[in-house]
């Protein structure tokens, strides 16, 4: 069975979707996660990838699975 490749595009799209659906600006999300505003921007534009610790924080904050955020599954939970 072939392994699914990580897609920064899927991650970026899902992060932006979750942020906007929760009516958060990049700055507001950064503050809630104790991160820099630039980091959110870099992740949403696909210029950088967050650490596993940050992905974990995001999954807890948005109450979703990290697998969904990473594009491993299309199931939220």
PDB file of N, CA and C in Angstrom:
ATOM      1  N   UNK A   1       0.849  -1.180   0.000  1.00  0.00           N
ATOM      2  CA  UNK A   1       0.000   0.000   0.000  1.00  0.00           C
ATOM      3  C   UNK A   1       0.893   1.241   0.000  1.00  0.00           C
ATOM      4  N   UNK A   2       0.644   2.154  -0.919  1.00  0.00           N
ATOM      5  CA  UNK A   2       1.440   3.372  -1.031  1.00  0.00           C
ATOM      6  C   UNK A   2       1.052   4.361   0.061  1.00  0.00           C
ATOM      7  N   UNK A   3       2.056   5.036   0.594  1.00  0.00           N
ATOM      8  CA  UNK A   3       1.805   6.058   1.608  1.00  0.00           C
ATOM      9  C   UNK A   3       1.294   7.325   0.935  1.00  0.00           C
ATOM     10  N   UNK A   4       0.365   7.968   1.576  1.00  0.00           N
ATOM     11  CA  UNK A   4      -0.159   9.234   1.088  1.00  0.00           C
ATOM     12  C   UNK A   4       0.878  10.321   1.367  1.00  0.00           C
ATOM     13  N   UNK A   5       1.126  11.173   0.400  1.00  0.00           N
ATOM     14  CA  UNK A   5       2.094  12.250   0.544  1.00  0.00           C
ATOM     15  C   UNK A   5       1.468  13.447   1.254  1.00  0.00           C
ATOM     16  N   UNK A   6       2.248  14.105   2.087  1.00  0.00           N
ATOM     17  CA  UNK A   6       1.791  15.317   2.754  1.00  0.00           C
ATOM     18  C   UNK A   6       1.606  16.417   1.713  1.00  0.00           C
ATOM     19  N   UNK A   7       0.511  17.129   1.822  1.00  0.00           N
ATOM     20  CA  UNK A   7       0.218  18.230   0.905  1.00  0.00           C
ATOM     21  C   UNK A   7       0.107  19.528   1.689  1.00  0.00           C
ATOM     22  N   UNK A   8       1.072  20.409   1.507  1.00  0.00           N
ATOM     23  CA  UNK A   8       1.021  21.709   2.176  1.00  0.00           C
ATOM     24  C   UNK A   8      -0.201  22.496   1.712  1.00  0.00           C
ATOM     25  N   UNK A   9      -0.636  22.254   0.477  1.00  0.00           N
ATOM     26  CA  UNK A   9      -1.806  22.965  -0.041  1.00  0.00           C
ATOM     27  C   UNK A   9      -3.071  22.597   0.739  1.00  0.00           C
ATOM     28  N   UNK A  10      -3.232  21.304   1.016  1.00  0.00           N
ATOM     29  CA  UNK A  10      -4.408  20.867   1.784  1.00  0.00           C
ATOM     30  C   UNK A  10      -4.355  21.450   3.187  1.00  0.00           C
ATOM     31  N   UNK A  11      -3.196  21.368   3.831  1.00  0.00           N
ATOM     32  CA  UNK A  11      -3.059  21.924   5.173  1.00  0.00           C
ATOM     33  C   UNK A  11      -3.390  23.414   5.166  1.00  0.00           C
ATOM     34  N   UNK A  12      -2.831  24.155   4.221  1.00  0.00           N
ATOM     35  CA  UNK A  12      -3.050  25.601   4.145  1.00  0.00           C
ATOM     36  C   UNK A  12      -4.527  25.933   3.953  1.00  0.00           C
ATOM     37  N   UNK A  13      -5.178  25.214   3.047  1.00  0.00           N
ATOM     38  CA  UNK A  13      -6.604  25.449   2.783  1.00  0.00           C
ATOM     39  C   UNK A  13      -7.451  25.150   4.014  1.00  0.00           C
ATOM     40  N   UNK A  14      -7.144  24.064   4.691  1.00  0.00           N
ATOM     41  CA  UNK A  14      -7.946  23.679   5.857  1.00  0.00           C
ATOM     42  C   UNK A  14      -7.741  24.638   7.019  1.00  0.00           C
ATOM     43  N   UNK A  15      -6.517  25.084   7.212  1.00  0.00           N
ATOM     44  CA  UNK A  15      -6.258  26.045   8.285  1.00  0.00           C
ATOM     45  C   UNK A  15      -7.031  27.338   8.022  1.00  0.00           C
ATOM     46  N   UNK A  16      -6.951  27.847   6.801  1.00  0.00           N
ATOM     47  CA  UNK A  16      -7.659  29.088   6.479  1.00  0.00           C
ATOM     48  C   UNK A  16      -9.171  28.907   6.606  1.00  0.00           C
ATOM     49  N   UNK A  17      -9.685  27.759   6.156  1.00  0.00           N
ATOM     50  CA  UNK A  17     -11.110  27.477   6.257  1.00  0.00           C
ATOM     51  C   UNK A  17     -11.551  27.471   7.724  1.00  0.00           C
ATOM     52  N   UNK A  18     -10.803  26.778   8.568  1.00  0.00           N
ATOM     53  CA  UNK A  18     -11.157  26.699   9.987  1.00  0.00           C
ATOM     54  C   UNK A  18     -11.096  28.080  10.638  1.00  0.00           C
ATOM     55  N   UNK A  19     -10.080  28.844  10.303  1.00  0.00           N
ATOM     56  CA  UNK A  19      -9.931  30.182  10.876  1.00  0.00           C
ATOM     57  C   UNK A  19     -11.099  31.076  10.470  1.00  0.00           C
ATOM     58  N   UNK A  20     -11.425  31.087   9.185  1.00  0.00           N
ATOM     59  CA  UNK A  20     -12.495  31.972   8.712  1.00  0.00           C
ATOM     60  C   UNK A  20     -13.872  31.499   9.191  1.00  0.00           C
ATOM     61  N   UNK A  21     -14.095  30.198   9.247  1.00  0.00           N
ATOM     62  CA  UNK A  21     -15.379  29.686   9.754  1.00  0.00           C
ATOM     63  C   UNK A  21     -15.593  30.035  11.222  1.00  0.00           C
ATOM     64  N   UNK A  22     -14.497  30.254  11.929  1.00  0.00           N
ATOM     65  CA  UNK A  22     -14.583  30.644  13.337  1.00  0.00           C
ATOM     66  C   UNK A  22     -14.476  32.162  13.510  1.00  0.00           C
ATOM     67  N   UNK A  23     -14.585  32.876  12.381  1.00  0.00           N
ATOM     68  CA  UNK A  23     -14.567  34.349  12.385  1.00  0.00           C
ATOM     69  C   UNK A  23     -13.352  34.925  13.097  1.00  0.00           C
ATOM     70  N   UNK A  24     -12.197  34.355  12.801  1.00  0.00           N
ATOM     71  CA  UNK A  24     -10.959  34.818  13.405  1.00  0.00           C
ATOM     72  C   UNK A  24     -10.051  35.430  12.345  1.00  0.00           C
ATOM     73  N   UNK A  25      -9.436  36.535  12.683  1.00  0.00           N
ATOM     74  CA  UNK A  25      -8.395  37.085  11.829  1.00  0.00           C
ATOM     75  C   UNK A  25      -7.124  36.264  12.077  1.00  0.00           C
ATOM     76  N   UNK A  26      -6.145  36.433  11.222  1.00  0.00           N
ATOM     77  CA  UNK A  26      -4.875  35.743  11.459  1.00  0.00           C
ATOM     78  C   UNK A  26      -4.292  36.184  12.795  1.00  0.00           C
ATOM     79  N   UNK A  27      -4.399  37.464  13.093  1.00  0.00           N
ATOM     80  CA  UNK A  27      -3.870  37.991  14.345  1.00  0.00           C
ATOM     81  C   UNK A  27      -4.597  37.396  15.552  1.00  0.00           C
ATOM     82  N   UNK A  28      -5.919  37.296  15.469  1.00  0.00           N
ATOM     83  CA  UNK A  28      -6.694  36.741  16.586  1.00  0.00           C
ATOM     84  C   UNK A  28      -6.326  35.282  16.833  1.00  0.00           C
ATOM     85  N   UNK A  29      -6.190  34.503  15.759  1.00  0.00           N
ATOM     86  CA  UNK A  29      -5.804  33.100  15.921  1.00  0.00           C
ATOM     87  C   UNK A  29      -4.403  33.001  16.516  1.00  0.00           C
ATOM     88  N   UNK A  30      -3.503  33.826  16.032  1.00  0.00           N
ATOM     89  CA  UNK A  30      -2.135  33.814  16.557  1.00  0.00           C
ATOM     90  C   UNK A  30      -2.131  34.093  18.053  1.00  0.00           C
ATOM     91  N   UNK A  31      -2.918  35.057  18.479  1.00  0.00           N
ATOM     92  CA  UNK A  31      -2.991  35.386  19.905  1.00  0.00           C
ATOM     93  C   UNK A  31      -3.552  34.225  20.720  1.00  0.00           C
ATOM     94  N   UNK A  32      -4.598  33.587  20.203  1.00  0.00           N
ATOM     95  CA  UNK A  32      -5.214  32.477  20.932  1.00  0.00           C
ATOM     96  C   UNK A  32      -4.277  31.280  21.072  1.00  0.00           C
ATOM     97  N   UNK A  33      -3.403  31.093  20.076  1.00  0.00           N
ATOM     98  CA  UNK A  33      -2.476  29.960  20.101  1.00  0.00           C
ATOM     99  C   UNK A  33      -1.091  30.360  20.616  1.00  0.00           C
ATOM    100  N   UNK A  34      -0.952  31.612  21.027  1.00  0.00           N
ATOM    101  CA  UNK A  34       0.316  32.143  21.523  1.00  0.00           C
ATOM    102  C   UNK A  34       1.427  31.988  20.478  1.00  0.00           C
ATOM    103  N   UNK A  35       1.109  32.458  19.259  1.00  0.00           N
ATOM    104  CA  UNK A  35       2.035  32.377  18.135  1.00  0.00           C
ATOM    105  C   UNK A  35       2.150  33.751  17.493  1.00  0.00           C
ATOM    106  N   UNK A  36       3.058  33.878  16.543  1.00  0.00           N
ATOM    107  CA  UNK A  36       3.185  35.148  15.836  1.00  0.00           C
ATOM    108  C   UNK A  36       2.186  35.214  14.685  1.00  0.00           C
ATOM    109  N   UNK A  37       1.749  36.412  14.372  1.00  0.00           N
ATOM    110  CA  UNK A  37       0.846  36.637  13.257  1.00  0.00           C
ATOM    111  C   UNK A  37       1.497  36.179  11.954  1.00  0.00           C
ATOM    112  N   UNK A  38       2.795  36.407  11.817  1.00  0.00           N
ATOM    113  CA  UNK A  38       3.517  36.009  10.603  1.00  0.00           C
ATOM    114  C   UNK A  38       3.458  34.495  10.400  1.00  0.00           C
ATOM    115  N   UNK A  39       3.499  33.734  11.475  1.00  0.00           N
ATOM    116  CA  UNK A  39       3.457  32.270  11.361  1.00  0.00           C
ATOM    117  C   UNK A  39       2.162  31.820  10.705  1.00  0.00           C
ATOM    118  N   UNK A  40       1.039  32.369  11.142  1.00  0.00           N
ATOM    119  CA  UNK A  40      -0.253  31.998  10.557  1.00  0.00           C
ATOM    120  C   UNK A  40      -0.253  32.321   9.066  1.00  0.00           C
ATOM    121  N   UNK A  41       0.236  33.483   8.721  1.00  0.00           N
ATOM    122  CA  UNK A  41       0.302  33.897   7.320  1.00  0.00           C
ATOM    123  C   UNK A  41       1.171  32.941   6.502  1.00  0.00           C
ATOM    124  N   UNK A  42       2.345  32.599   7.019  1.00  0.00           N
ATOM    125  CA  UNK A  42       3.240  31.672   6.305  1.00  0.00           C
ATOM    126  C   UNK A  42       2.580  30.315   6.091  1.00  0.00           C
ATOM    127  N   UNK A  43       1.868  29.828   7.101  1.00  0.00           N
ATOM    128  CA  UNK A  43       1.218  28.517   6.981  1.00  0.00           C
ATOM    129  C   UNK A  43       0.067  28.558   5.997  1.00  0.00           C
ATOM    130  N   UNK A  44      -0.709  29.623   6.014  1.00  0.00           N
ATOM    131  CA  UNK A  44      -1.850  29.722   5.105  1.00  0.00           C
ATOM    132  C   UNK A  44      -1.426  29.927   3.653  1.00  0.00           C
ATOM    133  N   UNK A  45      -0.251  30.475   3.439  1.00  0.00           N
ATOM    134  CA  UNK A  45       0.243  30.667   2.073  1.00  0.00           C
ATOM    135  C   UNK A  45       1.161  29.523   1.635  1.00  0.00           C
ATOM    136  N   UNK A  46       1.378  28.559   2.507  1.00  0.00           N
ATOM    137  CA  UNK A  46       2.187  27.398   2.157  1.00  0.00           C
ATOM    138  C   UNK A  46       3.676  27.655   2.136  1.00  0.00           C
ATOM    139  N   UNK A  47       4.121  28.728   2.764  1.00  0.00           N
ATOM    140  CA  UNK A  47       5.550  29.057   2.782  1.00  0.00           C
ATOM    141  C   UNK A  47       6.314  28.292   3.860  1.00  0.00           C
ATOM    142  N   UNK A  48       5.600  27.874   4.894  1.00  0.00           N
ATOM    143  CA  UNK A  48       6.204  27.107   5.986  1.00  0.00           C
ATOM    144  C   UNK A  48       5.205  26.075   6.484  1.00  0.00           C
ATOM    145  N   UNK A  49       5.724  25.123   7.236  1.00  0.00           N
ATOM    146  CA  UNK A  49       4.906  24.072   7.848  1.00  0.00           C
ATOM    147  C   UNK A  49       5.097  24.164   9.368  1.00  0.00           C
ATOM    148  N   UNK A  50       4.008  24.128  10.128  1.00  0.00           N
ATOM    149  CA  UNK A  50       4.149  24.213  11.585  1.00  0.00           C
ATOM    150  C   UNK A  50       4.729  22.930  12.181  1.00  0.00           C
ATOM    151  N   UNK A  51       5.211  23.063  13.395  1.00  0.00           N
ATOM    152  CA  UNK A  51       5.736  21.908  14.124  1.00  0.00           C
ATOM    153  C   UNK A  51       4.593  20.996  14.551  1.00  0.00           C
ATOM    154  N   UNK A  52       4.940  19.798  14.943  1.00  0.00           N
ATOM    155  CA  UNK A  52       3.938  18.846  15.446  1.00  0.00           C
ATOM    156  C   UNK A  52       3.233  19.418  16.673  1.00  0.00           C
ATOM    157  N   UNK A  53       3.966  20.128  17.522  1.00  0.00           N
ATOM    158  CA  UNK A  53       3.370  20.725  18.720  1.00  0.00           C
ATOM    159  C   UNK A  53       2.303  21.743  18.343  1.00  0.00           C
ATOM    160  N   UNK A  54       2.546  22.553  17.330  1.00  0.00           N
ATOM    161  CA  UNK A  54       1.577  23.562  16.905  1.00  0.00           C
ATOM    162  C   UNK A  54       0.364  22.895  16.255  1.00  0.00           C
ATOM    163  N   UNK A  55       0.584  21.862  15.464  1.00  0.00           N
ATOM    164  CA  UNK A  55      -0.533  21.134  14.859  1.00  0.00           C
ATOM    165  C   UNK A  55      -1.416  20.536  15.955  1.00  0.00           C
ATOM    166  N   UNK A  56      -0.799  20.030  16.997  1.00  0.00           N
ATOM    167  CA  UNK A  56      -1.533  19.496  18.145  1.00  0.00           C
ATOM    168  C   UNK A  56      -2.369  20.597  18.795  1.00  0.00           C
ATOM    169  N   UNK A  57      -1.768  21.780  19.025  1.00  0.00           N
ATOM    170  CA  UNK A  57      -2.488  22.904  19.622  1.00  0.00           C
ATOM    171  C   UNK A  57      -3.673  23.319  18.754  1.00  0.00           C
ATOM    172  N   UNK A  58      -3.475  23.339  17.440  1.00  0.00           N
ATOM    173  CA  UNK A  58      -4.552  23.712  16.522  1.00  0.00           C
ATOM    174  C   UNK A  58      -5.690  22.710  16.570  1.00  0.00           C
ATOM    175  N   UNK A  59      -5.347  21.431  16.602  1.00  0.00           N
ATOM    176  CA  UNK A  59      -6.393  20.405  16.621  1.00  0.00           C
ATOM    177  C   UNK A  59      -7.219  20.501  17.900  1.00  0.00           C
ATOM    178  N   UNK A  60      -6.584  20.803  19.013  1.00  0.00           N
ATOM    179  CA  UNK A  60      -7.320  20.986  20.268  1.00  0.00           C
ATOM    180  C   UNK A  60      -8.174  22.251  20.212  1.00  0.00           C
ATOM    181  N   UNK A  61      -7.611  23.332  19.721  1.00  0.00           N
ATOM    182  CA  UNK A  61      -8.328  24.604  19.654  1.00  0.00           C
ATOM    183  C   UNK A  61      -9.568  24.496  18.776  1.00  0.00           C
ATOM    184  N   UNK A  62      -9.418  23.909  17.584  1.00  0.00           N
ATOM    185  CA  UNK A  62     -10.545  23.802  16.652  1.00  0.00           C
ATOM    186  C   UNK A  62     -11.415  22.566  16.911  1.00  0.00           C
ATOM    187  N   UNK A  63     -11.001  21.709  17.843  1.00  0.00           N
ATOM    188  CA  UNK A  63     -11.721  20.481  18.179  1.00  0.00           C
ATOM    189  C   UNK A  63     -11.888  19.587  16.953  1.00  0.00           C
ATOM    190  N   UNK A  64     -10.776  19.355  16.284  1.00  0.00           N
ATOM    191  CA  UNK A  64     -10.735  18.483  15.102  1.00  0.00           C
ATOM    192  C   UNK A  64      -9.569  17.522  15.265  1.00  0.00           C
ATOM    193  N   UNK A  65      -9.509  16.522  14.402  1.00  0.00           N
ATOM    194  CA  UNK A  65      -8.369  15.613  14.446  1.00  0.00           C
ATOM    195  C   UNK A  65      -7.199  16.234  13.690  1.00  0.00           C
ATOM    196  N   UNK A  66      -6.006  15.958  14.148  1.00  0.00           N
ATOM    197  CA  UNK A  66      -4.805  16.399  13.429  1.00  0.00           C
ATOM    198  C   UNK A  66      -4.770  15.761  12.046  1.00  0.00           C
ATOM    199  N   UNK A  67      -5.295  14.545  11.926  1.00  0.00           N
ATOM    200  CA  UNK A  67      -5.342  13.862  10.633  1.00  0.00           C
ATOM    201  C   UNK A  67      -6.144  14.668   9.613  1.00  0.00           C
ATOM    202  N   UNK A  68      -7.244  15.289  10.048  1.00  0.00           N
ATOM    203  CA  UNK A  68      -8.030  16.121   9.141  1.00  0.00           C
ATOM    204  C   UNK A  68      -7.215  17.342   8.709  1.00  0.00           C
ATOM    205  N   UNK A  69      -6.602  18.001   9.671  1.00  0.00           N
ATOM    206  CA  UNK A  69      -5.814  19.193   9.384  1.00  0.00           C
ATOM    207  C   UNK A  69      -4.674  18.891   8.422  1.00  0.00           C
ATOM    208  N   UNK A  70      -4.088  17.713   8.546  1.00  0.00           N
ATOM    209  CA  UNK A  70      -2.962  17.323   7.703  1.00  0.00           C
ATOM    210  C   UNK A  70      -3.381  16.703   6.381  1.00  0.00           C
ATOM    211  N   UNK A  71      -4.680  16.502   6.191  1.00  0.00           N
ATOM    212  CA  UNK A  71      -5.159  15.935   4.929  1.00  0.00           C
ATOM    213  C   UNK A  71      -5.084  14.433   4.849  1.00  0.00           C
ATOM    214  N   UNK A  72      -4.854  13.775   5.980  1.00  0.00           N
ATOM    215  CA  UNK A  72      -4.785  12.309   6.008  1.00  0.00           C
ATOM    216  C   UNK A  72      -6.182  11.721   5.857  1.00  0.00           C
ATOM    217  N   UNK A  73      -7.152  12.426   6.419  1.00  0.00           N
ATOM    218  CA  UNK A  73      -8.544  12.001   6.340  1.00  0.00           C
ATOM    219  C   UNK A  73      -9.424  13.212   6.055  1.00  0.00           C
ATOM    220  N   UNK A  74     -10.623  12.951   5.597  1.00  0.00           N
ATOM    221  CA  UNK A  74     -11.586  14.031   5.393  1.00  0.00           C
ATOM    222  C   UNK A  74     -12.577  14.111   6.536  1.00  0.00           C
ATOM    223  N   UNK A  75     -12.402  13.245   7.535  1.00  0.00           N
ATOM    224  CA  UNK A  75     -13.269  13.238   8.708  1.00  0.00           C
ATOM    225  C   UNK A  75     -12.738  14.242   9.722  1.00  0.00           C
ATOM    226  N   UNK A  76     -13.615  15.108  10.225  1.00  0.00           N
ATOM    227  CA  UNK A  76     -13.215  16.133  11.192  1.00  0.00           C
ATOM    228  C   UNK A  76     -12.745  15.524  12.501  1.00  0.00           C
ATOM    229  N   UNK A  77     -13.433  14.495  12.965  1.00  0.00           N
ATOM    230  CA  UNK A  77     -13.149  13.955  14.298  1.00  0.00           C
ATOM    231  C   UNK A  77     -12.313  12.746  14.213  1.00  0.00           C
TER     232      UNK A  77
END
